[in-house]
Amino acid sequence: MPQIETFVSSEEYYSTLFHEATHATGHEKRLNRQGITESAPFGAPCYSKEEFVAEMGAAFLCGFTGIDYATIDNSASYIQGWLSKLRNDRKLVILSAAQAQKAANYILNISL
């Protein structure tokens, strides 16, 4: 992660940190998500889905920490960009939200 001073605000720093932390939960020894455990080129469907999951996870964590309104515009723009690559996947939002929630729970050490 870049230093916090390089971000427009501390909220944007934490939003980015949460995004990267969500990616880290995909490791095979954690939640074993396909977008992390398999190599995929930039823009490939698997890569795009993982970016979508990571940003949704970051949004959930921003909501949990109370910084959701400060970062919502950037998150919405980022998600919209990846959605444009995945328009034909009708189950995408539901499956991604479930994976993002699992990631957020993992980070917060919440077991259900």
PDB file of N, CA and C in Angstrom:
ATOM      1  N   MET A   1       0.835  -1.185   0.000  1.00  0.00           N
ATOM      2  CA  MET A   1       0.000   0.000   0.000  1.00  0.00           C
ATOM      3  C   MET A   1       0.876   1.242   0.000  1.00  0.00           C
ATOM      4  N   PRO A   2       0.506   2.207  -0.812  1.00  0.00           N
ATOM      5  CA  PRO A   2       1.194   3.500  -0.729  1.00  0.00           C
ATOM      6  C   PRO A   2       0.936   4.149   0.627  1.00  0.00           C
ATOM      7  N   GLN A   3       1.753   5.111   0.962  1.00  0.00           N
ATOM      8  CA  GLN A   3       1.581   5.841   2.218  1.00  0.00           C
ATOM      9  C   GLN A   3       0.239   6.572   2.221  1.00  0.00           C
ATOM     10  N   ILE A   4      -0.353   6.711   3.386  1.00  0.00           N
ATOM     11  CA  ILE A   4      -1.662   7.343   3.521  1.00  0.00           C
ATOM     12  C   ILE A   4      -1.650   8.782   2.988  1.00  0.00           C
ATOM     13  N   GLU A   5      -0.516   9.453   3.085  1.00  0.00           N
ATOM     14  CA  GLU A   5      -0.410  10.852   2.634  1.00  0.00           C
ATOM     15  C   GLU A   5      -0.618  10.995   1.132  1.00  0.00           C
ATOM     16  N   THR A   6      -0.470   9.917   0.380  1.00  0.00           N
ATOM     17  CA  THR A   6      -0.621   9.997  -1.076  1.00  0.00           C
ATOM     18  C   THR A   6      -2.085   9.936  -1.520  1.00  0.00           C
ATOM     19  N   PHE A   7      -3.003   9.711  -0.594  1.00  0.00           N
ATOM     20  CA  PHE A   7      -4.422   9.627  -0.912  1.00  0.00           C
ATOM     21  C   PHE A   7      -5.106  10.961  -0.654  1.00  0.00           C
ATOM     22  N   VAL A   8      -6.200  11.183  -1.346  1.00  0.00           N
ATOM     23  CA  VAL A   8      -6.985  12.408  -1.206  1.00  0.00           C
ATOM     24  C   VAL A   8      -7.523  12.552   0.212  1.00  0.00           C
ATOM     25  N   SER A   9      -7.854  11.418   0.827  1.00  0.00           N
ATOM     26  CA  SER A   9      -8.394  11.444   2.192  1.00  0.00           C
ATOM     27  C   SER A   9      -8.056  10.129   2.878  1.00  0.00           C
ATOM     28  N   SER A  10      -8.168  10.122   4.187  1.00  0.00           N
ATOM     29  CA  SER A  10      -7.932   8.881   4.923  1.00  0.00           C
ATOM     30  C   SER A  10      -9.001   7.851   4.581  1.00  0.00           C
ATOM     31  N   GLU A  11     -10.205   8.299   4.286  1.00  0.00           N
ATOM     32  CA  GLU A  11     -11.277   7.372   3.893  1.00  0.00           C
ATOM     33  C   GLU A  11     -10.924   6.642   2.601  1.00  0.00           C
ATOM     34  N   GLU A  12     -10.354   7.356   1.646  1.00  0.00           N
ATOM     35  CA  GLU A  12      -9.950   6.717   0.384  1.00  0.00           C
ATOM     36  C   GLU A  12      -8.809   5.727   0.621  1.00  0.00           C
ATOM     37  N   TYR A  13      -7.905   6.058   1.519  1.00  0.00           N
ATOM     38  CA  TYR A  13      -6.831   5.132   1.882  1.00  0.00           C
ATOM     39  C   TYR A  13      -7.427   3.832   2.427  1.00  0.00           C
ATOM     40  N   TYR A  14      -8.338   3.954   3.379  1.00  0.00           N
ATOM     41  CA  TYR A  14      -8.908   2.744   3.985  1.00  0.00           C
ATOM     42  C   TYR A  14      -9.777   1.970   3.001  1.00  0.00           C
ATOM     43  N   SER A  15     -10.461   2.657   2.120  1.00  0.00           N
ATOM     44  CA  SER A  15     -11.235   1.976   1.091  1.00  0.00           C
ATOM     45  C   SER A  15     -10.307   1.126   0.208  1.00  0.00           C
ATOM     46  N   THR A  16      -9.173   1.682  -0.161  1.00  0.00           N
ATOM     47  CA  THR A  16      -8.194   0.941  -0.963  1.00  0.00           C
ATOM     48  C   THR A  16      -7.587  -0.205  -0.165  1.00  0.00           C
ATOM     49  N   LEU A  17      -7.272   0.042   1.086  1.00  0.00           N
ATOM     50  CA  LEU A  17      -6.754  -1.008   1.955  1.00  0.00           C
ATOM     51  C   LEU A  17      -7.758  -2.156   2.070  1.00  0.00           C
ATOM     52  N   PHE A  18      -9.030  -1.830   2.246  1.00  0.00           N
ATOM     53  CA  PHE A  18     -10.067  -2.861   2.353  1.00  0.00           C
ATOM     54  C   PHE A  18     -10.198  -3.643   1.041  1.00  0.00           C
ATOM     55  N   HIS A  19     -10.064  -2.950  -0.090  1.00  0.00           N
ATOM     56  CA  HIS A  19     -10.103  -3.606  -1.398  1.00  0.00           C
ATOM     57  C   HIS A  19      -8.978  -4.640  -1.496  1.00  0.00           C
ATOM     58  N   GLU A  20      -7.778  -4.221  -1.150  1.00  0.00           N
ATOM     59  CA  GLU A  20      -6.623  -5.128  -1.226  1.00  0.00           C
ATOM     60  C   GLU A  20      -6.731  -6.257  -0.205  1.00  0.00           C
ATOM     61  N   ALA A  21      -7.250  -5.962   0.975  1.00  0.00           N
ATOM     62  CA  ALA A  21      -7.434  -7.000   1.992  1.00  0.00           C
ATOM     63  C   ALA A  21      -8.457  -8.030   1.509  1.00  0.00           C
ATOM     64  N   THR A  22      -9.489  -7.569   0.819  1.00  0.00           N
ATOM     65  CA  THR A  22     -10.479  -8.503   0.270  1.00  0.00           C
ATOM     66  C   THR A  22      -9.818  -9.419  -0.746  1.00  0.00           C
ATOM     67  N   HIS A  23      -8.971  -8.874  -1.608  1.00  0.00           N
ATOM     68  CA  HIS A  23      -8.213  -9.735  -2.540  1.00  0.00           C
ATOM     69  C   HIS A  23      -7.441 -10.798  -1.755  1.00  0.00           C
ATOM     70  N   ALA A  24      -6.800 -10.400  -0.688  1.00  0.00           N
ATOM     71  CA  ALA A  24      -5.958 -11.329   0.085  1.00  0.00           C
ATOM     72  C   ALA A  24      -6.754 -12.492   0.661  1.00  0.00           C
ATOM     73  N   THR A  25      -8.030 -12.286   0.917  1.00  0.00           N
ATOM     74  CA  THR A  25      -8.834 -13.388   1.458  1.00  0.00           C
ATOM     75  C   THR A  25      -9.063 -14.485   0.426  1.00  0.00           C
ATOM     76  N   GLY A  26      -8.815 -14.211  -0.822  1.00  0.00           N
ATOM     77  CA  GLY A  26      -9.038 -15.207  -1.875  1.00  0.00           C
ATOM     78  C   GLY A  26      -7.967 -16.270  -1.969  1.00  0.00           C
ATOM     79  N   HIS A  27      -6.860 -16.099  -1.256  1.00  0.00           N
ATOM     80  CA  HIS A  27      -5.765 -17.069  -1.288  1.00  0.00           C
ATOM     81  C   HIS A  27      -6.286 -18.475  -0.991  1.00  0.00           C
ATOM     82  N   GLU A  28      -5.650 -19.472  -1.569  1.00  0.00           N
ATOM     83  CA  GLU A  28      -6.116 -20.859  -1.416  1.00  0.00           C
ATOM     84  C   GLU A  28      -6.181 -21.332   0.032  1.00  0.00           C
ATOM     85  N   LYS A  29      -5.372 -20.741   0.907  1.00  0.00           N
ATOM     86  CA  LYS A  29      -5.399 -21.139   2.318  1.00  0.00           C
ATOM     87  C   LYS A  29      -6.385 -20.317   3.132  1.00  0.00           C
ATOM     88  N   ARG A  30      -7.093 -19.404   2.460  1.00  0.00           N
ATOM     89  CA  ARG A  30      -8.120 -18.604   3.144  1.00  0.00           C
ATOM     90  C   ARG A  30      -9.482 -19.004   2.564  1.00  0.00           C
ATOM     91  N   LEU A  31     -10.025 -18.211   1.656  1.00  0.00           N
ATOM     92  CA  LEU A  31     -11.344 -18.521   1.091  1.00  0.00           C
ATOM     93  C   LEU A  31     -11.276 -19.181  -0.284  1.00  0.00           C
ATOM     94  N   ASN A  32     -10.082 -19.283  -0.851  1.00  0.00           N
ATOM     95  CA  ASN A  32      -9.853 -20.047  -2.084  1.00  0.00           C
ATOM     96  C   ASN A  32     -10.754 -19.605  -3.243  1.00  0.00           C
ATOM     97  N   ARG A  33     -10.717 -18.296  -3.581  1.00  0.00           N
ATOM     98  CA  ARG A  33     -11.510 -17.782  -4.696  1.00  0.00           C
ATOM     99  C   ARG A  33     -10.767 -17.975  -6.009  1.00  0.00           C
ATOM    100  N   GLN A  34     -11.513 -18.348  -7.028  1.00  0.00           N
ATOM    101  CA  GLN A  34     -10.953 -18.623  -8.347  1.00  0.00           C
ATOM    102  C   GLN A  34     -10.185 -17.438  -8.924  1.00  0.00           C
ATOM    103  N   GLY A  35     -10.656 -16.243  -8.720  1.00  0.00           N
ATOM    104  CA  GLY A  35      -9.996 -15.068  -9.282  1.00  0.00           C
ATOM    105  C   GLY A  35      -8.613 -14.808  -8.718  1.00  0.00           C
ATOM    106  N   ILE A  36      -8.294 -15.426  -7.592  1.00  0.00           N
ATOM    107  CA  ILE A  36      -6.979 -15.277  -6.965  1.00  0.00           C
ATOM    108  C   ILE A  36      -6.130 -16.518  -7.187  1.00  0.00           C
ATOM    109  N   THR A  37      -6.735 -17.678  -7.100  1.00  0.00           N
ATOM    110  CA  THR A  37      -5.973 -18.929  -7.150  1.00  0.00           C
ATOM    111  C   THR A  37      -5.560 -19.313  -8.565  1.00  0.00           C
ATOM    112  N   GLU A  38      -6.184 -18.736  -9.576  1.00  0.00           N
ATOM    113  CA  GLU A  38      -5.822 -19.013 -10.964  1.00  0.00           C
ATOM    114  C   GLU A  38      -5.287 -17.753 -11.616  1.00  0.00           C
ATOM    115  N   SER A  39      -4.312 -17.933 -12.468  1.00  0.00           N
ATOM    116  CA  SER A  39      -3.764 -16.794 -13.189  1.00  0.00           C
ATOM    117  C   SER A  39      -4.751 -16.360 -14.272  1.00  0.00           C
ATOM    118  N   ALA A  40      -5.008 -15.073 -14.333  1.00  0.00           N
ATOM    119  CA  ALA A  40      -5.928 -14.543 -15.342  1.00  0.00           C
ATOM    120  C   ALA A  40      -5.403 -13.205 -15.833  1.00  0.00           C
ATOM    121  N   PRO A  41      -5.408 -12.991 -17.144  1.00  0.00           N
ATOM    122  CA  PRO A  41      -4.941 -11.705 -17.669  1.00  0.00           C
ATOM    123  C   PRO A  41      -5.909 -10.572 -17.330  1.00  0.00           C
ATOM    124  N   PHE A  42      -5.382  -9.364 -17.271  1.00  0.00           N
ATOM    125  CA  PHE A  42      -6.182  -8.174 -16.986  1.00  0.00           C
ATOM    126  C   PHE A  42      -7.378  -8.134 -17.934  1.00  0.00           C
ATOM    127  N   GLY A  43      -8.567  -7.933 -17.364  1.00  0.00           N
ATOM    128  CA  GLY A  43      -9.769  -7.807 -18.174  1.00  0.00           C
ATOM    129  C   GLY A  43     -10.473  -9.115 -18.476  1.00  0.00           C
ATOM    130  N   ALA A  44      -9.833 -10.248 -18.188  1.00  0.00           N
ATOM    131  CA  ALA A  44     -10.486 -11.537 -18.408  1.00  0.00           C
ATOM    132  C   ALA A  44     -11.680 -11.654 -17.463  1.00  0.00           C
ATOM    133  N   PRO A  45     -12.697 -12.439 -17.817  1.00  0.00           N
ATOM    134  CA  PRO A  45     -13.868 -12.553 -16.940  1.00  0.00           C
ATOM    135  C   PRO A  45     -13.523 -12.927 -15.502  1.00  0.00           C
ATOM    136  N   CYS A  46     -12.622 -13.862 -15.304  1.00  0.00           N
ATOM    137  CA  CYS A  46     -12.247 -14.279 -13.952  1.00  0.00           C
ATOM    138  C   CYS A  46     -11.597 -13.116 -13.195  1.00  0.00           C
ATOM    139  N   TYR A  47     -10.740 -12.371 -13.859  1.00  0.00           N
ATOM    140  CA  TYR A  47     -10.081 -11.202 -13.267  1.00  0.00           C
ATOM    141  C   TYR A  47     -11.121 -10.133 -12.928  1.00  0.00           C
ATOM    142  N   SER A  48     -12.022  -9.892 -13.867  1.00  0.00           N
ATOM    143  CA  SER A  48     -13.052  -8.874 -13.674  1.00  0.00           C
ATOM    144  C   SER A  48     -13.956  -9.221 -12.501  1.00  0.00           C
ATOM    145  N   LYS A  49     -14.326 -10.486 -12.373  1.00  0.00           N
ATOM    146  CA  LYS A  49     -15.172 -10.911 -11.256  1.00  0.00           C
ATOM    147  C   LYS A  49     -14.465 -10.706  -9.925  1.00  0.00           C
ATOM    148  N   GLU A  50     -13.173 -11.015  -9.872  1.00  0.00           N
ATOM    149  CA  GLU A  50     -12.424 -10.823  -8.628  1.00  0.00           C
ATOM    150  C   GLU A  50     -12.348  -9.343  -8.265  1.00  0.00           C
ATOM    151  N   GLU A  51     -12.153  -8.468  -9.240  1.00  0.00           N
ATOM    152  CA  GLU A  51     -12.136  -7.032  -8.966  1.00  0.00           C
ATOM    153  C   GLU A  51     -13.485  -6.564  -8.440  1.00  0.00           C
ATOM    154  N   PHE A  52     -14.540  -7.115  -9.000  1.00  0.00           N
ATOM    155  CA  PHE A  52     -15.892  -6.789  -8.553  1.00  0.00           C
ATOM    156  C   PHE A  52     -16.090  -7.229  -7.101  1.00  0.00           C
ATOM    157  N   VAL A  53     -15.666  -8.448  -6.780  1.00  0.00           N
ATOM    158  CA  VAL A  53     -15.763  -8.967  -5.407  1.00  0.00           C
ATOM    159  C   VAL A  53     -14.955  -8.084  -4.454  1.00  0.00           C
ATOM    160  N   ALA A  54     -13.732  -7.734  -4.850  1.00  0.00           N
ATOM    161  CA  ALA A  54     -12.861  -6.933  -3.984  1.00  0.00           C
ATOM    162  C   ALA A  54     -13.467  -5.560  -3.702  1.00  0.00           C
ATOM    163  N   GLU A  55     -14.062  -4.960  -4.709  1.00  0.00           N
ATOM    164  CA  GLU A  55     -14.644  -3.631  -4.484  1.00  0.00           C
ATOM    165  C   GLU A  55     -15.919  -3.719  -3.649  1.00  0.00           C
ATOM    166  N   MET A  56     -16.691  -4.763  -3.853  1.00  0.00           N
ATOM    167  CA  MET A  56     -17.877  -4.944  -3.010  1.00  0.00           C
ATOM    168  C   MET A  56     -17.460  -5.229  -1.569  1.00  0.00           C
ATOM    169  N   GLY A  57     -16.432  -6.026  -1.385  1.00  0.00           N
ATOM    170  CA  GLY A  57     -15.917  -6.289  -0.044  1.00  0.00           C
ATOM    171  C   GLY A  57     -15.453  -5.009   0.618  1.00  0.00           C
ATOM    172  N   ALA A  58     -14.762  -4.172  -0.152  1.00  0.00           N
ATOM    173  CA  ALA A  58     -14.315  -2.882   0.382  1.00  0.00           C
ATOM    174  C   ALA A  58     -15.512  -2.019   0.772  1.00  0.00           C
ATOM    175  N   ALA A  59     -16.552  -2.037  -0.049  1.00  0.00           N
ATOM    176  CA  ALA A  59     -17.746  -1.253   0.265  1.00  0.00           C
ATOM    177  C   ALA A  59     -18.405  -1.760   1.553  1.00  0.00           C
ATOM    178  N   PHE A  60     -18.472  -3.087   1.723  1.00  0.00           N
ATOM    179  CA  PHE A  60     -19.040  -3.641   2.953  1.00  0.00           C
ATOM    180  C   PHE A  60     -18.219  -3.209   4.167  1.00  0.00           C
ATOM    181  N   LEU A  61     -16.895  -3.278   4.032  1.00  0.00           N
ATOM    182  CA  LEU A  61     -16.023  -2.901   5.151  1.00  0.00           C
ATOM    183  C   LEU A  61     -16.081  -1.403   5.426  1.00  0.00           C
ATOM    184  N   CYS A  62     -16.210  -0.595   4.373  1.00  0.00           N
ATOM    185  CA  CYS A  62     -16.391   0.850   4.581  1.00  0.00           C
ATOM    186  C   CYS A  62     -17.693   1.110   5.322  1.00  0.00           C
ATOM    187  N   GLY A  63     -18.739   0.375   4.986  1.00  0.00           N
ATOM    188  CA  GLY A  63     -20.001   0.513   5.698  1.00  0.00           C
ATOM    189  C   GLY A  63     -19.864   0.118   7.157  1.00  0.00           C
ATOM    190  N   PHE A  64     -19.155  -0.961   7.403  1.00  0.00           N
ATOM    191  CA  PHE A  64     -18.945  -1.441   8.760  1.00  0.00           C
ATOM    192  C   PHE A  64     -18.197  -0.406   9.604  1.00  0.00           C
ATOM    193  N   THR A  65     -17.219   0.263   8.993  1.00  0.00           N
ATOM    194  CA  THR A  65     -16.413   1.244   9.731  1.00  0.00           C
ATOM    195  C   THR A  65     -17.008   2.648   9.725  1.00  0.00           C
ATOM    196  N   GLY A  66     -18.101   2.836   8.993  1.00  0.00           N
ATOM    197  CA  GLY A  66     -18.763   4.132   8.984  1.00  0.00           C
ATOM    198  C   GLY A  66     -18.206   5.142   8.007  1.00  0.00           C
ATOM    199  N   ILE A  67     -17.424   4.700   7.046  1.00  0.00           N
ATOM    200  CA  ILE A  67     -16.878   5.649   6.064  1.00  0.00           C
ATOM    201  C   ILE A  67     -17.499   5.441   4.685  1.00  0.00           C
ATOM    202  N   ASP A  68     -18.650   4.797   4.628  1.00  0.00           N
ATOM    203  CA  ASP A  68     -19.262   4.455   3.348  1.00  0.00           C
ATOM    204  C   ASP A  68     -19.648   5.667   2.508  1.00  0.00           C
ATOM    205  N   TYR A  69     -20.190   6.715   3.100  1.00  0.00           N
ATOM    206  CA  TYR A  69     -20.616   7.850   2.298  1.00  0.00           C
ATOM    207  C   TYR A  69     -19.439   8.640   1.737  1.00  0.00           C
ATOM    208  N   ALA A  70     -18.319   8.595   2.386  1.00  0.00           N
ATOM    209  CA  ALA A  70     -17.146   9.328   1.908  1.00  0.00           C
ATOM    210  C   ALA A  70     -16.515   8.661   0.693  1.00  0.00           C
ATOM    211  N   THR A  71     -16.799   7.392   0.468  1.00  0.00           N
ATOM    212  CA  THR A  71     -16.141   6.653  -0.613  1.00  0.00           C
ATOM    213  C   THR A  71     -17.117   6.087  -1.634  1.00  0.00           C
ATOM    214  N   ILE A  72     -18.402   6.333  -1.469  1.00  0.00           N
ATOM    215  CA  ILE A  72     -19.407   5.673  -2.303  1.00  0.00           C
ATOM    216  C   ILE A  72     -19.293   6.037  -3.788  1.00  0.00           C
ATOM    217  N   ASP A  73     -18.976   7.269  -4.120  1.00  0.00           N
ATOM    218  CA  ASP A  73     -18.879   7.649  -5.525  1.00  0.00           C
ATOM    219  C   ASP A  73     -17.755   6.904  -6.235  1.00  0.00           C
ATOM    220  N   ASN A  74     -16.593   6.818  -5.590  1.00  0.00           N
ATOM    221  CA  ASN A  74     -15.475   6.091  -6.200  1.00  0.00           C
ATOM    222  C   ASN A  74     -15.783   4.611  -6.333  1.00  0.00           C
ATOM    223  N   SER A  75     -16.384   4.025  -5.312  1.00  0.00           N
ATOM    224  CA  SER A  75     -16.727   2.601  -5.363  1.00  0.00           C
ATOM    225  C   SER A  75     -17.742   2.328  -6.469  1.00  0.00           C
ATOM    226  N   ALA A  76     -18.744   3.175  -6.570  1.00  0.00           N
ATOM    227  CA  ALA A  76     -19.772   2.990  -7.596  1.00  0.00           C
ATOM    228  C   ALA A  76     -19.170   3.090  -8.994  1.00  0.00           C
ATOM    229  N   SER A  77     -18.269   4.026  -9.209  1.00  0.00           N
ATOM    230  CA  SER A  77     -17.615   4.164 -10.514  1.00  0.00           C
ATOM    231  C   SER A  77     -16.757   2.951 -10.838  1.00  0.00           C
ATOM    232  N   TYR A  78     -16.018   2.481  -9.855  1.00  0.00           N
ATOM    233  CA  TYR A  78     -15.146   1.324 -10.051  1.00  0.00           C
ATOM    234  C   TYR A  78     -15.977   0.088 -10.381  1.00  0.00           C
ATOM    235  N   ILE A  79     -17.040  -0.133  -9.636  1.00  0.00           N
ATOM    236  CA  ILE A  79     -17.910  -1.289  -9.875  1.00  0.00           C
ATOM    237  C   ILE A  79     -18.566  -1.183 -11.246  1.00  0.00           C
ATOM    238  N   GLN A  80     -19.000  -0.007 -11.626  1.00  0.00           N
ATOM    239  CA  GLN A  80     -19.625   0.169 -12.938  1.00  0.00           C
ATOM    240  C   GLN A  80     -18.664  -0.203 -14.066  1.00  0.00           C
ATOM    241  N   GLY A  81     -17.397   0.151 -13.905  1.00  0.00           N
ATOM    242  CA  GLY A  81     -16.401  -0.192 -14.917  1.00  0.00           C
ATOM    243  C   GLY A  81     -16.254  -1.690 -15.110  1.00  0.00           C
ATOM    244  N   TRP A  82     -16.217  -2.432 -14.010  1.00  0.00           N
ATOM    245  CA  TRP A  82     -16.080  -3.887 -14.121  1.00  0.00           C
ATOM    246  C   TRP A  82     -17.379  -4.533 -14.563  1.00  0.00           C
ATOM    247  N   LEU A  83     -18.505  -3.985 -14.179  1.00  0.00           N
ATOM    248  CA  LEU A  83     -19.797  -4.529 -14.612  1.00  0.00           C
ATOM    249  C   LEU A  83     -19.942  -4.483 -16.123  1.00  0.00           C
ATOM    250  N   SER A  84     -19.385  -3.447 -16.742  1.00  0.00           N
ATOM    251  CA  SER A  84     -19.497  -3.328 -18.196  1.00  0.00           C
ATOM    252  C   SER A  84     -18.838  -4.517 -18.905  1.00  0.00           C
ATOM    253  N   LYS A  85     -17.852  -5.147 -18.286  1.00  0.00           N
ATOM    254  CA  LYS A  85     -17.203  -6.303 -18.870  1.00  0.00           C
ATOM    255  C   LYS A  85     -17.975  -7.591 -18.620  1.00  0.00           C
ATOM    256  N   LEU A  86     -18.932  -7.548 -17.708  1.00  0.00           N
ATOM    257  CA  LEU A  86     -19.616  -8.763 -17.257  1.00  0.00           C
ATOM    258  C   LEU A  86     -21.135  -8.672 -17.432  1.00  0.00           C
ATOM    259  N   ARG A  87     -21.597  -7.908 -18.358  1.00  0.00           N
ATOM    260  CA  ARG A  87     -23.028  -7.636 -18.519  1.00  0.00           C
ATOM    261  C   ARG A  87     -23.885  -8.882 -18.719  1.00  0.00           C
ATOM    262  N   ASN A  88     -23.367  -9.912 -19.342  1.00  0.00           N
ATOM    263  CA  ASN A  88     -24.177 -11.086 -19.656  1.00  0.00           C
ATOM    264  C   ASN A  88     -24.273 -12.094 -18.518  1.00  0.00           C
ATOM    265  N   ASP A  89     -23.654 -11.826 -17.418  1.00  0.00           N
ATOM    266  CA  ASP A  89     -23.667 -12.758 -16.282  1.00  0.00           C
ATOM    267  C   ASP A  89     -24.780 -12.344 -15.321  1.00  0.00           C
ATOM    268  N   ARG A  90     -25.947 -12.978 -15.435  1.00  0.00           N
ATOM    269  CA  ARG A  90     -27.113 -12.585 -14.648  1.00  0.00           C
ATOM    270  C   ARG A  90     -26.954 -12.877 -13.164  1.00  0.00           C
ATOM    271  N   LYS A  91     -26.104 -13.824 -12.811  1.00  0.00           N
ATOM    272  CA  LYS A  91     -25.924 -14.208 -11.409  1.00  0.00           C
ATOM    273  C   LYS A  91     -24.781 -13.452 -10.736  1.00  0.00           C
ATOM    274  N   LEU A  92     -24.097 -12.633 -11.485  1.00  0.00           N
ATOM    275  CA  LEU A  92     -22.880 -11.988 -11.014  1.00  0.00           C
ATOM    276  C   LEU A  92     -23.054 -11.230  -9.701  1.00  0.00           C
ATOM    277  N   VAL A  93     -24.028 -10.380  -9.619  1.00  0.00           N
ATOM    278  CA  VAL A  93     -24.174  -9.531  -8.432  1.00  0.00           C
ATOM    279  C   VAL A  93     -24.433 -10.384  -7.193  1.00  0.00           C
ATOM    280  N   ILE A  94     -25.297 -11.364  -7.301  1.00  0.00           N
ATOM    281  CA  ILE A  94     -25.628 -12.205  -6.146  1.00  0.00           C
ATOM    282  C   ILE A  94     -24.423 -13.020  -5.702  1.00  0.00           C
ATOM    283  N   LEU A  95     -23.763 -13.695  -6.651  1.00  0.00           N
ATOM    284  CA  LEU A  95     -22.603 -14.521  -6.299  1.00  0.00           C
ATOM    285  C   LEU A  95     -21.444 -13.667  -5.780  1.00  0.00           C
ATOM    286  N   SER A  96     -21.229 -12.526  -6.397  1.00  0.00           N
ATOM    287  CA  SER A  96     -20.148 -11.642  -5.962  1.00  0.00           C
ATOM    288  C   SER A  96     -20.416 -11.066  -4.586  1.00  0.00           C
ATOM    289  N   ALA A  97     -21.656 -10.688  -4.346  1.00  0.00           N
ATOM    290  CA  ALA A  97     -22.013 -10.154  -3.028  1.00  0.00           C
ATOM    291  C   ALA A  97     -21.787 -11.209  -1.947  1.00  0.00           C
ATOM    292  N   ALA A  98     -22.136 -12.453  -2.247  1.00  0.00           N
ATOM    293  CA  ALA A  98     -21.925 -13.531  -1.274  1.00  0.00           C
ATOM    294  C   ALA A  98     -20.438 -13.723  -0.999  1.00  0.00           C
ATOM    295  N   GLN A  99     -19.627 -13.704  -2.053  1.00  0.00           N
ATOM    296  CA  GLN A  99     -18.180 -13.853  -1.870  1.00  0.00           C
ATOM    297  C   GLN A  99     -17.593 -12.654  -1.129  1.00  0.00           C
ATOM    298  N   ALA A 100     -18.073 -11.471  -1.449  1.00  0.00           N
ATOM    299  CA  ALA A 100     -17.582 -10.260  -0.775  1.00  0.00           C
ATOM    300  C   ALA A 100     -17.965 -10.276   0.705  1.00  0.00           C
ATOM    301  N   GLN A 101     -19.156 -10.756   1.016  1.00  0.00           N
ATOM    302  CA  GLN A 101     -19.573 -10.831   2.418  1.00  0.00           C
ATOM    303  C   GLN A 101     -18.730 -11.852   3.172  1.00  0.00           C
ATOM    304  N   LYS A 102     -18.424 -12.982   2.537  1.00  0.00           N
ATOM    305  CA  LYS A 102     -17.549 -13.979   3.166  1.00  0.00           C
ATOM    306  C   LYS A 102     -16.171 -13.374   3.443  1.00  0.00           C
ATOM    307  N   ALA A 103     -15.675 -12.597   2.483  1.00  0.00           N
ATOM    308  CA  ALA A 103     -14.368 -11.952   2.658  1.00  0.00           C
ATOM    309  C   ALA A 103     -14.408 -10.952   3.811  1.00  0.00           C
ATOM    310  N   ALA A 104     -15.456 -10.130   3.846  1.00  0.00           N
ATOM    311  CA  ALA A 104     -15.579  -9.148   4.926  1.00  0.00           C
ATOM    312  C   ALA A 104     -15.678  -9.861   6.278  1.00  0.00           C
ATOM    313  N   ASN A 105     -16.454 -10.928   6.339  1.00  0.00           N
ATOM    314  CA  ASN A 105     -16.571 -11.701   7.580  1.00  0.00           C
ATOM    315  C   ASN A 105     -15.203 -12.275   7.994  1.00  0.00           C
ATOM    316  N   TYR A 106     -14.456 -12.754   7.025  1.00  0.00           N
ATOM    317  CA  TYR A 106     -13.135 -13.306   7.306  1.00  0.00           C
ATOM    318  C   TYR A 106     -12.235 -12.227   7.910  1.00  0.00           C
ATOM    319  N   ILE A 107     -12.223 -11.069   7.291  1.00  0.00           N
ATOM    320  CA  ILE A 107     -11.387  -9.951   7.753  1.00  0.00           C
ATOM    321  C   ILE A 107     -11.810  -9.521   9.157  1.00  0.00           C
ATOM    322  N   LEU A 108     -13.101  -9.489   9.404  1.00  0.00           N
ATOM    323  CA  LEU A 108     -13.622  -9.064  10.701  1.00  0.00           C
ATOM    324  C   LEU A 108     -13.653 -10.193  11.735  1.00  0.00           C
ATOM    325  N   ASN A 109     -13.232 -11.370  11.312  1.00  0.00           N
ATOM    326  CA  ASN A 109     -13.207 -12.561  12.179  1.00  0.00           C
ATOM    327  C   ASN A 109     -14.611 -12.889  12.701  1.00  0.00           C
ATOM    328  N   ILE A 110     -15.564 -12.823  11.781  1.00  0.00           N
ATOM    329  CA  ILE A 110     -16.946 -13.175  12.093  1.00  0.00           C
ATOM    330  C   ILE A 110     -17.219 -14.532  11.474  1.00  0.00           C
ATOM    331  N   SER A 111     -17.580 -15.490  12.274  1.00  0.00           N
ATOM    332  CA  SER A 111     -17.935 -16.800  11.726  1.00  0.00           C
ATOM    333  C   SER A 111     -19.421 -17.020  11.924  1.00  0.00           C
ATOM    334  N   LEU A 112     -20.028 -17.544  10.880  1.00  0.00           N
ATOM    335  CA  LEU A 112     -21.477 -17.785  10.926  1.00  0.00           C
ATOM    336  C   LEU A 112     -21.747 -19.272  10.972  1.00  0.00           C
TER     337      LEU A 112
END
